[in-house]
Amino acid sequence: MNHPISRRHLSKLAATLSLCALGALSLPAAAQSWPDKPVRIIVPAPAGSSLDVIVRSLGETLKTRWGQPLIVDNKPGAGGTIGMDAVAKAAPDGYTLGVGFNGPIAFAPFMFKKMAYDPAKDLLPIVMTTSQPNVLAVPANHPANNLREFLAWAKSQGDKVSYASVGLGSSSHLSMELLKSTAGFEATHVPFNGSPPAALSVAQGETQALLAVEPALLPLVQGGRLKLLAVTSPQRLAARPELPTVAEAGFPGFDALAWNGLFAPAGTSAEIVSRINADVNAAMAEPAFRQTMAKQGLIIGGGSAAKFKTFIAGESRQWGVIITKAGITLD
């Protein structure tokens, strides 16, 4: 049986609809319709790099969610600052995003006298995508079999120790500077262009140690030319549970991760940032993405934009001290 609608009910319904309409109007028009065209994601690293793999792995899920394709735009160079500068200078409409990492976000402001952008002012953190610890590698025939033994050996050598890194100002470089400062030993830095030559220098005994991500060292470890002594993350690696952390060797709180995350140009609306954050978190929960990241030795991030911003502020404080103390400059 149908009941007639009273005038009072009609008035209430009209008032409710008016409030809904006002709520919708309070959102920027761009946020309501976003995205209505392809979204470009700038990757400040070459095609095939871990950053590139992360973005392309997220791409299929995000394309489905957004109903728009993702355009991956690789802009490597200058330690990632070229790509992130392009993000900072893009229109803040949600159609240009970028994947930033330690270097151009937390390290660069302390290593360059002048920068074309200010990471804290010109970029908005959206969500951390992944992180990855470094592992300490030494030649397979090194007398030390754990971190304590290595530190005792290094201290006994005075200024004769040298260590390799995957590049000046890299996470590999700065993590070793943090370990030197924390544990109190001396070692000369020998930078290389990437993981392969750096790892080979240690395997051949030209340098005595290297902190780098584990997948890059695996071939030489499996070949019996390198051995691993410790990992720089707060917890042991799930894939290598036998490898102790630096913290376990007597340095509680030691934490040095290579991380990356999604950024937008400053001025992008909070509604668009919130939408992207939610969709990327959902995409990172997909089993296929998690499996791909695990094969790369990457730890999946996630969480809110506010959490990511707080994390970056902490990273900047920690590494600013290390960079300044070591006198590292890239100008």
C-alpha atoms as a PDB file:
ATOM      1  CA  MET A   1       0.000   0.000   0.000  1.00  0.00           C
ATOM      2  CA  ASN A   2       1.380   3.425  -0.937  1.00  0.00           C
ATOM      3  CA  HIS A   3       1.364   6.261   1.617  1.00  0.00           C
ATOM      4  CA  PRO A   4       1.029   9.869   0.472  1.00  0.00           C
ATOM      5  CA  ILE A   5       4.058  12.112   1.214  1.00  0.00           C
ATOM      6  CA  SER A   6       3.201  15.020   3.477  1.00  0.00           C
ATOM      7  CA  ARG A   7       4.333  18.576   2.863  1.00  0.00           C
ATOM      8  CA  ARG A   8       6.468  18.333   5.991  1.00  0.00           C
ATOM      9  CA  HIS A   9       8.306  15.281   4.582  1.00  0.00           C
ATOM     10  CA  LEU A  10       8.740  17.020   1.248  1.00  0.00           C
ATOM     11  CA  SER A  11      10.279  20.027   2.998  1.00  0.00           C
ATOM     12  CA  LYS A  12      12.703  17.805   4.923  1.00  0.00           C
ATOM     13  CA  LEU A  13      13.678  15.968   1.741  1.00  0.00           C
ATOM     14  CA  ALA A  14      14.274  19.239  -0.085  1.00  0.00           C
ATOM     15  CA  ALA A  15      16.431  20.527   2.781  1.00  0.00           C
ATOM     16  CA  THR A  16      18.490  17.317   2.796  1.00  0.00           C
ATOM     17  CA  LEU A  17      19.056  17.472  -0.949  1.00  0.00           C
ATOM     18  CA  SER A  18      20.093  21.115  -0.655  1.00  0.00           C
ATOM     19  CA  LEU A  19      22.683  20.232   1.993  1.00  0.00           C
ATOM     20  CA  CYS A  20      24.057  17.420  -0.191  1.00  0.00           C
ATOM     21  CA  ALA A  21      24.296  19.795  -3.114  1.00  0.00           C
ATOM     22  CA  LEU A  22      26.123  22.372  -1.008  1.00  0.00           C
ATOM     23  CA  GLY A  23      28.532  19.659   0.211  1.00  0.00           C
ATOM     24  CA  ALA A  24      29.292  18.655  -3.357  1.00  0.00           C
ATOM     25  CA  LEU A  25      29.785  22.256  -4.373  1.00  0.00           C
ATOM     26  CA  SER A  26      32.248  22.742  -1.519  1.00  0.00           C
ATOM     27  CA  LEU A  27      34.643  20.319  -3.241  1.00  0.00           C
ATOM     28  CA  PRO A  28      36.769  21.849  -5.993  1.00  0.00           C
ATOM     29  CA  ALA A  29      35.439  20.975  -9.440  1.00  0.00           C
ATOM     30  CA  ALA A  30      38.802  19.433 -10.346  1.00  0.00           C
ATOM     31  CA  ALA A  31      38.615  17.090  -7.352  1.00  0.00           C
ATOM     32  CA  GLN A  32      35.092  15.956  -8.275  1.00  0.00           C
ATOM     33  CA  SER A  33      36.015  15.014 -11.832  1.00  0.00           C
ATOM     34  CA  TRP A  34      39.596  13.811 -11.267  1.00  0.00           C
ATOM     35  CA  PRO A  35      40.907  12.021 -13.217  1.00  0.00           C
ATOM     36  CA  ASP A  36      39.351  12.760 -16.587  1.00  0.00           C
ATOM     37  CA  LYS A  37      42.586  12.348 -18.562  1.00  0.00           C
ATOM     38  CA  PRO A  38      45.823  10.296 -18.312  1.00  0.00           C
ATOM     39  CA  VAL A  39      47.997  10.736 -15.217  1.00  0.00           C
ATOM     40  CA  ARG A  40      51.742  11.202 -15.707  1.00  0.00           C
ATOM     41  CA  ILE A  41      54.123   9.793 -13.115  1.00  0.00           C
ATOM     42  CA  ILE A  42      57.691  11.076 -13.327  1.00  0.00           C
ATOM     43  CA  VAL A  43      60.322   8.511 -12.355  1.00  0.00           C
ATOM     44  CA  PRO A  44      63.689  10.156 -11.597  1.00  0.00           C
ATOM     45  CA  ALA A  45      65.550   6.996 -12.588  1.00  0.00           C
ATOM     46  CA  PRO A  46      66.087   4.946 -15.770  1.00  0.00           C
ATOM     47  CA  ALA A  47      63.658   2.410 -17.200  1.00  0.00           C
ATOM     48  CA  GLY A  48      64.189  -0.966 -15.546  1.00  0.00           C
ATOM     49  CA  SER A  49      65.291   0.557 -12.221  1.00  0.00           C
ATOM     50  CA  SER A  50      63.559  -0.436  -8.994  1.00  0.00           C
ATOM     51  CA  LEU A  51      61.595   2.851  -8.996  1.00  0.00           C
ATOM     52  CA  ASP A  52      60.460   2.164 -12.542  1.00  0.00           C
ATOM     53  CA  VAL A  53      59.355  -1.368 -11.596  1.00  0.00           C
ATOM     54  CA  ILE A  54      57.353  -0.034  -8.635  1.00  0.00           C
ATOM     55  CA  VAL A  55      55.417   2.483 -10.738  1.00  0.00           C
ATOM     56  CA  ARG A  56      54.719   0.082 -13.593  1.00  0.00           C
ATOM     57  CA  SER A  57      53.604  -2.602 -11.127  1.00  0.00           C
ATOM     58  CA  LEU A  58      51.102  -0.168  -9.607  1.00  0.00           C
ATOM     59  CA  GLY A  59      50.027   1.033 -13.025  1.00  0.00           C
ATOM     60  CA  GLU A  60      47.557  -1.692 -13.990  1.00  0.00           C
ATOM     61  CA  THR A  61      45.592  -1.508 -10.743  1.00  0.00           C
ATOM     62  CA  LEU A  62      45.527   2.295 -10.732  1.00  0.00           C
ATOM     63  CA  LYS A  63      44.485   2.393 -14.387  1.00  0.00           C
ATOM     64  CA  THR A  64      41.470   0.251 -13.519  1.00  0.00           C
ATOM     65  CA  ARG A  65      40.580   2.338 -10.482  1.00  0.00           C
ATOM     66  CA  TRP A  66      40.966   5.664 -12.262  1.00  0.00           C
ATOM     67  CA  GLY A  67      39.633   4.677 -15.668  1.00  0.00           C
ATOM     68  CA  GLN A  68      42.636   6.445 -17.165  1.00  0.00           C
ATOM     69  CA  PRO A  69      46.071   5.234 -18.309  1.00  0.00           C
ATOM     70  CA  LEU A  70      49.268   6.032 -16.422  1.00  0.00           C
ATOM     71  CA  ILE A  71      52.086   7.547 -18.434  1.00  0.00           C
ATOM     72  CA  VAL A  72      55.503   6.693 -16.971  1.00  0.00           C
ATOM     73  CA  ASP A  73      57.978   9.480 -17.721  1.00  0.00           C
ATOM     74  CA  ASN A  74      61.585   8.528 -16.898  1.00  0.00           C
ATOM     75  CA  LYS A  75      63.737  11.571 -16.078  1.00  0.00           C
ATOM     76  CA  PRO A  76      67.007  10.326 -14.526  1.00  0.00           C
ATOM     77  CA  GLY A  77      69.985  12.500 -13.685  1.00  0.00           C
ATOM     78  CA  ALA A  78      71.613  14.638 -10.984  1.00  0.00           C
ATOM     79  CA  GLY A  79      70.802  12.169  -8.216  1.00  0.00           C
ATOM     80  CA  GLY A  80      67.075  12.309  -8.932  1.00  0.00           C
ATOM     81  CA  THR A  81      66.812  16.091  -8.634  1.00  0.00           C
ATOM     82  CA  ILE A  82      66.039  16.647 -12.335  1.00  0.00           C
ATOM     83  CA  GLY A  83      62.928  14.493 -12.155  1.00  0.00           C
ATOM     84  CA  MET A  84      61.710  15.889  -8.841  1.00  0.00           C
ATOM     85  CA  ASP A  85      62.249  19.453 -10.050  1.00  0.00           C
ATOM     86  CA  ALA A  86      59.913  18.661 -12.960  1.00  0.00           C
ATOM     87  CA  VAL A  87      57.299  17.438 -10.465  1.00  0.00           C
ATOM     88  CA  ALA A  88      57.699  20.540  -8.298  1.00  0.00           C
ATOM     89  CA  LYS A  89      57.159  22.831 -11.291  1.00  0.00           C
ATOM     90  CA  ALA A  90      54.167  20.940 -12.738  1.00  0.00           C
ATOM     91  CA  ALA A  91      50.584  22.211 -12.508  1.00  0.00           C
ATOM     92  CA  PRO A  92      49.086  21.225  -9.111  1.00  0.00           C
ATOM     93  CA  ASP A  93      46.080  19.508 -10.639  1.00  0.00           C
ATOM     94  CA  GLY A  94      46.810  15.861  -9.828  1.00  0.00           C
ATOM     95  CA  TYR A  95      47.826  14.974 -13.387  1.00  0.00           C
ATOM     96  CA  THR A  96      51.593  15.032 -12.755  1.00  0.00           C
ATOM     97  CA  LEU A  97      53.007  13.016  -9.876  1.00  0.00           C
ATOM     98  CA  GLY A  98      56.498  11.787  -9.091  1.00  0.00           C
ATOM     99  CA  VAL A  99      58.301   9.037  -7.214  1.00  0.00           C
ATOM    100  CA  GLY A 100      60.830  10.610  -4.873  1.00  0.00           C
ATOM    101  CA  PHE A 101      63.443   8.836  -2.765  1.00  0.00           C
ATOM    102  CA  ASN A 102      66.030   9.627  -0.080  1.00  0.00           C
ATOM    103  CA  GLY A 103      68.420  11.433  -2.396  1.00  0.00           C
ATOM    104  CA  PRO A 104      66.394  14.267  -3.963  1.00  0.00           C
ATOM    105  CA  ILE A 105      64.084  14.611  -0.944  1.00  0.00           C
ATOM    106  CA  ALA A 106      66.044  14.197   2.332  1.00  0.00           C
ATOM    107  CA  PHE A 107      69.718  14.315   1.269  1.00  0.00           C
ATOM    108  CA  ALA A 108      69.973  16.898  -1.520  1.00  0.00           C
ATOM    109  CA  PRO A 109      69.076  20.011   0.523  1.00  0.00           C
ATOM    110  CA  PHE A 110      72.172  19.403   2.648  1.00  0.00           C
ATOM    111  CA  MET A 111      74.516  18.512  -0.226  1.00  0.00           C
ATOM    112  CA  PHE A 112      73.716  21.241  -2.774  1.00  0.00           C
ATOM    113  CA  LYS A 113      74.367  24.914  -2.071  1.00  0.00           C
ATOM    114  CA  LYS A 114      71.549  25.781  -4.452  1.00  0.00           C
ATOM    115  CA  MET A 115      68.577  23.707  -5.546  1.00  0.00           C
ATOM    116  CA  ALA A 116      65.968  24.461  -8.206  1.00  0.00           C
ATOM    117  CA  TYR A 117      63.217  23.361  -5.799  1.00  0.00           C
ATOM    118  CA  ASP A 118      62.652  23.050  -2.050  1.00  0.00           C
ATOM    119  CA  PRO A 119      61.403  19.528  -1.244  1.00  0.00           C
ATOM    120  CA  ALA A 120      59.675  20.690   1.944  1.00  0.00           C
ATOM    121  CA  LYS A 121      57.840  23.597   0.277  1.00  0.00           C
ATOM    122  CA  ASP A 122      57.388  22.599  -3.368  1.00  0.00           C
ATOM    123  CA  LEU A 123      56.349  18.938  -3.016  1.00  0.00           C
ATOM    124  CA  LEU A 124      53.470  17.254  -1.185  1.00  0.00           C
ATOM    125  CA  PRO A 125      54.103  13.747   0.220  1.00  0.00           C
ATOM    126  CA  ILE A 126      51.261  11.380  -0.696  1.00  0.00           C
ATOM    127  CA  VAL A 127      52.292   7.896   0.422  1.00  0.00           C
ATOM    128  CA  MET A 128      55.427   5.833   1.008  1.00  0.00           C
ATOM    129  CA  THR A 129      55.613   3.083  -1.595  1.00  0.00           C
ATOM    130  CA  THR A 130      58.529   0.874  -0.499  1.00  0.00           C
ATOM    131  CA  SER A 131      61.713   0.796   1.538  1.00  0.00           C
ATOM    132  CA  GLN A 132      64.807  -1.360   1.498  1.00  0.00           C
ATOM    133  CA  PRO A 133      67.666  -1.742   3.962  1.00  0.00           C
ATOM    134  CA  ASN A 134      71.329  -2.013   3.082  1.00  0.00           C
ATOM    135  CA  VAL A 135      73.421  -5.013   4.053  1.00  0.00           C
ATOM    136  CA  LEU A 136      77.083  -4.944   5.071  1.00  0.00           C
ATOM    137  CA  ALA A 137      79.229  -6.984   2.679  1.00  0.00           C
ATOM    138  CA  VAL A 138      82.917  -7.836   3.065  1.00  0.00           C
ATOM    139  CA  PRO A 139      85.253 -10.103   1.047  1.00  0.00           C
ATOM    140  CA  ALA A 140      84.506 -13.791   1.579  1.00  0.00           C
ATOM    141  CA  ASN A 141      87.978 -14.341   3.060  1.00  0.00           C
ATOM    142  CA  HIS A 142      87.727 -11.439   5.533  1.00  0.00           C
ATOM    143  CA  PRO A 143      88.680 -12.467   9.091  1.00  0.00           C
ATOM    144  CA  ALA A 144      85.464 -10.994  10.541  1.00  0.00           C
ATOM    145  CA  ASN A 145      82.365 -13.184  10.611  1.00  0.00           C
ATOM    146  CA  ASN A 146      80.007 -10.722  12.304  1.00  0.00           C
ATOM    147  CA  LEU A 147      79.658  -6.973  12.766  1.00  0.00           C
ATOM    148  CA  ARG A 148      81.373  -6.872  16.175  1.00  0.00           C
ATOM    149  CA  GLU A 149      84.411  -8.629  14.735  1.00  0.00           C
ATOM    150  CA  PHE A 150      84.452  -6.330  11.724  1.00  0.00           C
ATOM    151  CA  LEU A 151      84.366  -3.207  13.902  1.00  0.00           C
ATOM    152  CA  ALA A 152      87.178  -4.529  16.109  1.00  0.00           C
ATOM    153  CA  TRP A 153      89.216  -5.285  12.973  1.00  0.00           C
ATOM    154  CA  ALA A 154      88.489  -1.859  11.444  1.00  0.00           C
ATOM    155  CA  LYS A 155      89.560  -0.043  14.615  1.00  0.00           C
ATOM    156  CA  SER A 156      92.794  -2.037  14.675  1.00  0.00           C
ATOM    157  CA  GLN A 157      93.617  -0.898  11.135  1.00  0.00           C
ATOM    158  CA  GLY A 158      93.671   2.836  11.908  1.00  0.00           C
ATOM    159  CA  ASP A 159      93.229   4.793   8.675  1.00  0.00           C
ATOM    160  CA  LYS A 160      94.009   1.885   6.344  1.00  0.00           C
ATOM    161  CA  VAL A 161      90.394   0.789   5.762  1.00  0.00           C
ATOM    162  CA  SER A 162      88.502   1.822   2.631  1.00  0.00           C
ATOM    163  CA  TYR A 163      84.867   1.211   1.787  1.00  0.00           C
ATOM    164  CA  ALA A 164      82.998   1.236  -1.500  1.00  0.00           C
ATOM    165  CA  SER A 165      79.632   2.844  -2.207  1.00  0.00           C
ATOM    166  CA  VAL A 166      77.277   2.889  -5.170  1.00  0.00           C
ATOM    167  CA  GLY A 167      77.798   6.643  -5.556  1.00  0.00           C
ATOM    168  CA  LEU A 168      78.617   9.895  -3.786  1.00  0.00           C
ATOM    169  CA  GLY A 169      75.694  11.002  -1.627  1.00  0.00           C
ATOM    170  CA  SER A 170      73.806   7.718  -2.083  1.00  0.00           C
ATOM    171  CA  SER A 171      72.057   5.781   0.677  1.00  0.00           C
ATOM    172  CA  SER A 172      74.946   3.306   0.394  1.00  0.00           C
ATOM    173  CA  HIS A 173      77.439   6.106   1.120  1.00  0.00           C
ATOM    174  CA  LEU A 174      75.508   7.820   3.907  1.00  0.00           C
ATOM    175  CA  SER A 175      74.578   4.591   5.677  1.00  0.00           C
ATOM    176  CA  MET A 176      78.270   3.763   6.043  1.00  0.00           C
ATOM    177  CA  GLU A 177      78.985   7.283   7.292  1.00  0.00           C
ATOM    178  CA  LEU A 178      76.259   6.766   9.899  1.00  0.00           C
ATOM    179  CA  LEU A 179      77.815   3.429  10.906  1.00  0.00           C
ATOM    180  CA  LYS A 180      81.276   5.033  11.142  1.00  0.00           C
ATOM    181  CA  SER A 181      79.925   7.835  13.327  1.00  0.00           C
ATOM    182  CA  THR A 182      77.893   5.479  15.518  1.00  0.00           C
ATOM    183  CA  ALA A 183      80.542   2.768  15.987  1.00  0.00           C
ATOM    184  CA  GLY A 184      83.588   5.052  15.997  1.00  0.00           C
ATOM    185  CA  PHE A 185      85.953   3.779  13.310  1.00  0.00           C
ATOM    186  CA  GLU A 186      87.786   5.344  10.371  1.00  0.00           C
ATOM    187  CA  ALA A 187      87.464   4.393   6.696  1.00  0.00           C
ATOM    188  CA  THR A 188      88.098   6.126   3.378  1.00  0.00           C
ATOM    189  CA  HIS A 189      85.191   6.418   0.962  1.00  0.00           C
ATOM    190  CA  VAL A 190      85.652   5.105  -2.590  1.00  0.00           C
ATOM    191  CA  PRO A 191      82.541   5.897  -4.691  1.00  0.00           C
ATOM    192  CA  PHE A 192      81.589   3.841  -7.745  1.00  0.00           C
ATOM    193  CA  ASN A 193      78.957   4.301 -10.438  1.00  0.00           C
ATOM    194  CA  GLY A 194      76.434   1.718  -9.307  1.00  0.00           C
ATOM    195  CA  SER A 195      76.310  -1.563  -7.425  1.00  0.00           C
ATOM    196  CA  PRO A 196      78.147  -3.939  -9.812  1.00  0.00           C
ATOM    197  CA  PRO A 197      81.556  -2.182  -9.802  1.00  0.00           C
ATOM    198  CA  ALA A 198      81.278  -1.344  -6.088  1.00  0.00           C
ATOM    199  CA  ALA A 199      80.546  -4.959  -5.147  1.00  0.00           C
ATOM    200  CA  LEU A 200      83.301  -6.240  -7.431  1.00  0.00           C
ATOM    201  CA  SER A 201      85.851  -3.945  -5.766  1.00  0.00           C
ATOM    202  CA  VAL A 202      85.023  -5.552  -2.405  1.00  0.00           C
ATOM    203  CA  ALA A 203      85.075  -9.090  -3.818  1.00  0.00           C
ATOM    204  CA  GLN A 204      88.535  -8.421  -5.259  1.00  0.00           C
ATOM    205  CA  GLY A 205      89.806  -6.919  -2.013  1.00  0.00           C
ATOM    206  CA  GLU A 206      90.408  -3.458  -3.484  1.00  0.00           C
ATOM    207  CA  THR A 207      88.038  -2.083  -0.814  1.00  0.00           C
ATOM    208  CA  GLN A 208      87.129  -3.834   2.418  1.00  0.00           C
ATOM    209  CA  ALA A 209      83.408  -3.211   2.884  1.00  0.00           C
ATOM    210  CA  LEU A 210      80.198  -2.042   1.241  1.00  0.00           C
ATOM    211  CA  LEU A 211      76.702  -1.206   2.404  1.00  0.00           C
ATOM    212  CA  ALA A 212      74.232  -1.782  -0.429  1.00  0.00           C
ATOM    213  CA  VAL A 213      70.844  -3.370  -1.069  1.00  0.00           C
ATOM    214  CA  GLU A 214      70.940  -7.160  -0.870  1.00  0.00           C
ATOM    215  CA  PRO A 215      69.607  -8.131  -4.340  1.00  0.00           C
ATOM    216  CA  ALA A 216      72.487  -6.263  -6.008  1.00  0.00           C
ATOM    217  CA  LEU A 217      75.034  -8.315  -4.044  1.00  0.00           C
ATOM    218  CA  LEU A 218      73.361 -11.703  -4.334  1.00  0.00           C
ATOM    219  CA  PRO A 219      75.319 -13.038  -7.357  1.00  0.00           C
ATOM    220  CA  LEU A 220      78.676 -12.467  -5.624  1.00  0.00           C
ATOM    221  CA  VAL A 221      77.345 -13.830  -2.322  1.00  0.00           C
ATOM    222  CA  GLN A 222      76.052 -16.976  -4.027  1.00  0.00           C
ATOM    223  CA  GLY A 223      79.337 -17.243  -5.920  1.00  0.00           C
ATOM    224  CA  GLY A 224      81.280 -17.348  -2.666  1.00  0.00           C
ATOM    225  CA  ARG A 225      83.084 -14.039  -3.231  1.00  0.00           C
ATOM    226  CA  LEU A 226      81.259 -11.880  -0.659  1.00  0.00           C
ATOM    227  CA  LYS A 227      79.800 -12.553   2.768  1.00  0.00           C
ATOM    228  CA  LEU A 228      77.153 -10.536   4.583  1.00  0.00           C
ATOM    229  CA  LEU A 229      77.544  -9.463   8.203  1.00  0.00           C
ATOM    230  CA  ALA A 230      74.549  -7.276   9.114  1.00  0.00           C
ATOM    231  CA  VAL A 231      71.450  -5.450   7.877  1.00  0.00           C
ATOM    232  CA  THR A 232      70.618  -1.777   8.543  1.00  0.00           C
ATOM    233  CA  SER A 233      66.862  -2.177   9.146  1.00  0.00           C
ATOM    234  CA  PRO A 234      65.339  -2.245  12.657  1.00  0.00           C
ATOM    235  CA  GLN A 235      64.209  -5.856  12.087  1.00  0.00           C
ATOM    236  CA  ARG A 236      65.847  -8.801  10.365  1.00  0.00           C
ATOM    237  CA  LEU A 237      64.987  -9.451   6.731  1.00  0.00           C
ATOM    238  CA  ALA A 238      62.218 -12.000   6.198  1.00  0.00           C
ATOM    239  CA  ALA A 239      64.154 -13.452   3.270  1.00  0.00           C
ATOM    240  CA  ARG A 240      67.397 -13.700   5.284  1.00  0.00           C
ATOM    241  CA  PRO A 241      66.431 -14.245   8.944  1.00  0.00           C
ATOM    242  CA  GLU A 242      69.919 -15.459   9.883  1.00  0.00           C
ATOM    243  CA  LEU A 243      71.420 -12.008   9.187  1.00  0.00           C
ATOM    244  CA  PRO A 244      71.472  -9.885  12.390  1.00  0.00           C
ATOM    245  CA  THR A 245      70.707  -6.180  12.466  1.00  0.00           C
ATOM    246  CA  VAL A 246      73.243  -3.467  13.289  1.00  0.00           C
ATOM    247  CA  ALA A 247      71.103  -2.691  16.337  1.00  0.00           C
ATOM    248  CA  GLU A 248      71.577  -6.234  17.622  1.00  0.00           C
ATOM    249  CA  ALA A 249      75.352  -5.759  17.534  1.00  0.00           C
ATOM    250  CA  GLY A 250      75.109  -3.163  20.285  1.00  0.00           C
ATOM    251  CA  PHE A 251      73.755  -0.064  18.515  1.00  0.00           C
ATOM    252  CA  PRO A 252      70.074   0.173  19.499  1.00  0.00           C
ATOM    253  CA  GLY A 253      67.951   2.390  17.311  1.00  0.00           C
ATOM    254  CA  PHE A 254      70.250   2.134  14.287  1.00  0.00           C
ATOM    255  CA  ASP A 255      68.049   2.473  11.224  1.00  0.00           C
ATOM    256  CA  ALA A 256      69.156   3.277   7.678  1.00  0.00           C
ATOM    257  CA  LEU A 257      66.685   2.549   4.892  1.00  0.00           C
ATOM    258  CA  ALA A 258      66.570   3.411   1.222  1.00  0.00           C
ATOM    259  CA  TRP A 259      62.946   4.514   0.732  1.00  0.00           C
ATOM    260  CA  ASN A 260      60.688   5.976  -1.921  1.00  0.00           C
ATOM    261  CA  GLY A 261      57.208   7.378  -2.204  1.00  0.00           C
ATOM    262  CA  LEU A 262      54.697   9.289  -4.278  1.00  0.00           C
ATOM    263  CA  PHE A 263      54.673  13.108  -4.386  1.00  0.00           C
ATOM    264  CA  ALA A 264      52.519  15.826  -5.964  1.00  0.00           C
ATOM    265  CA  PRO A 265      53.317  19.472  -6.684  1.00  0.00           C
ATOM    266  CA  ALA A 266      52.567  21.817  -3.767  1.00  0.00           C
ATOM    267  CA  GLY A 267      49.116  23.338  -4.164  1.00  0.00           C
ATOM    268  CA  THR A 268      47.449  20.079  -5.210  1.00  0.00           C
ATOM    269  CA  SER A 269      44.072  19.879  -3.448  1.00  0.00           C
ATOM    270  CA  ALA A 270      43.779  17.845  -0.255  1.00  0.00           C
ATOM    271  CA  GLU A 271      40.868  15.940  -1.815  1.00  0.00           C
ATOM    272  CA  ILE A 272      42.969  14.747  -4.764  1.00  0.00           C
ATOM    273  CA  VAL A 273      45.899  13.844  -2.487  1.00  0.00           C
ATOM    274  CA  SER A 274      43.509  11.866  -0.269  1.00  0.00           C
ATOM    275  CA  ARG A 275      42.033  10.039  -3.281  1.00  0.00           C
ATOM    276  CA  ILE A 276      45.474   9.116  -4.637  1.00  0.00           C
ATOM    277  CA  ASN A 277      46.637   7.986  -1.195  1.00  0.00           C
ATOM    278  CA  ALA A 278      43.636   5.689  -0.760  1.00  0.00           C
ATOM    279  CA  ASP A 279      43.938   4.211  -4.246  1.00  0.00           C
ATOM    280  CA  VAL A 280      47.691   3.592  -4.005  1.00  0.00           C
ATOM    281  CA  ASN A 281      47.280   1.965  -0.589  1.00  0.00           C
ATOM    282  CA  ALA A 282      44.650  -0.329  -2.110  1.00  0.00           C
ATOM    283  CA  ALA A 283      46.876  -1.105  -5.116  1.00  0.00           C
ATOM    284  CA  MET A 284      49.797  -1.977  -2.835  1.00  0.00           C
ATOM    285  CA  ALA A 285      47.606  -4.474  -0.997  1.00  0.00           C
ATOM    286  CA  GLU A 286      47.090  -6.506  -4.197  1.00  0.00           C
ATOM    287  CA  PRO A 287      48.808  -9.954  -4.020  1.00  0.00           C
ATOM    288  CA  ALA A 288      50.453  -9.543  -7.439  1.00  0.00           C
ATOM    289  CA  PHE A 289      52.091  -6.265  -6.400  1.00  0.00           C
ATOM    290  CA  ARG A 290      53.267  -7.701  -3.088  1.00  0.00           C
ATOM    291  CA  GLN A 291      54.826 -10.690  -4.839  1.00  0.00           C
ATOM    292  CA  THR A 292      56.641  -8.481  -7.345  1.00  0.00           C
ATOM    293  CA  MET A 293      58.042  -6.295  -4.558  1.00  0.00           C
ATOM    294  CA  ALA A 294      59.154  -9.326  -2.536  1.00  0.00           C
ATOM    295  CA  LYS A 295      61.172 -10.565  -5.521  1.00  0.00           C
ATOM    296  CA  GLN A 296      62.912  -7.173  -5.594  1.00  0.00           C
ATOM    297  CA  GLY A 297      63.692  -7.386  -1.875  1.00  0.00           C
ATOM    298  CA  LEU A 298      61.442  -4.383  -1.210  1.00  0.00           C
ATOM    299  CA  ILE A 299      59.371  -3.767   1.917  1.00  0.00           C
ATOM    300  CA  ILE A 300      55.929  -2.341   1.085  1.00  0.00           C
ATOM    301  CA  GLY A 301      55.080   0.981   2.729  1.00  0.00           C
ATOM    302  CA  GLY A 302      51.616   2.520   2.859  1.00  0.00           C
ATOM    303  CA  GLY A 303      49.831   4.679   5.419  1.00  0.00           C
ATOM    304  CA  SER A 304      48.576   8.247   5.399  1.00  0.00           C
ATOM    305  CA  ALA A 305      50.079  11.305   3.752  1.00  0.00           C
ATOM    306  CA  ALA A 306      50.587  12.851   7.203  1.00  0.00           C
ATOM    307  CA  LYS A 307      52.542   9.804   8.361  1.00  0.00           C
ATOM    308  CA  PHE A 308      54.782   9.989   5.296  1.00  0.00           C
ATOM    309  CA  LYS A 309      55.395  13.701   5.853  1.00  0.00           C
ATOM    310  CA  THR A 310      56.418  13.089   9.473  1.00  0.00           C
ATOM    311  CA  PHE A 311      58.732  10.278   8.407  1.00  0.00           C
ATOM    312  CA  ILE A 312      60.460  12.512   5.847  1.00  0.00           C
ATOM    313  CA  ALA A 313      60.985  15.252   8.444  1.00  0.00           C
ATOM    314  CA  GLY A 314      62.709  12.736  10.721  1.00  0.00           C
ATOM    315  CA  GLU A 315      64.880  11.464   7.871  1.00  0.00           C
ATOM    316  CA  SER A 316      65.936  15.002   6.975  1.00  0.00           C
ATOM    317  CA  ARG A 317      66.987  15.720  10.560  1.00  0.00           C
ATOM    318  CA  GLN A 318      68.991  12.503  10.898  1.00  0.00           C
ATOM    319  CA  TRP A 319      70.791  12.642   7.575  1.00  0.00           C
ATOM    320  CA  GLY A 320      71.354  16.389   7.674  1.00  0.00           C
ATOM    321  CA  VAL A 321      73.602  15.874  10.702  1.00  0.00           C
ATOM    322  CA  ILE A 322      75.526  13.042   9.005  1.00  0.00           C
ATOM    323  CA  ILE A 323      75.975  14.925   5.709  1.00  0.00           C
ATOM    324  CA  THR A 324      77.144  18.097   7.459  1.00  0.00           C
ATOM    325  CA  LYS A 325      79.550  16.199   9.726  1.00  0.00           C
ATOM    326  CA  ALA A 326      81.055  14.288   6.793  1.00  0.00           C
ATOM    327  CA  GLY A 327      81.287  17.461   4.661  1.00  0.00           C
ATOM    328  CA  ILE A 328      79.562  15.835   1.685  1.00  0.00           C
ATOM    329  CA  THR A 329      78.815  18.254  -1.167  1.00  0.00           C
ATOM    330  CA  LEU A 330      77.678  17.663  -4.747  1.00  0.00           C
ATOM    331  CA  ASP A 331      78.131  21.187  -6.141  1.00  0.00           C
END
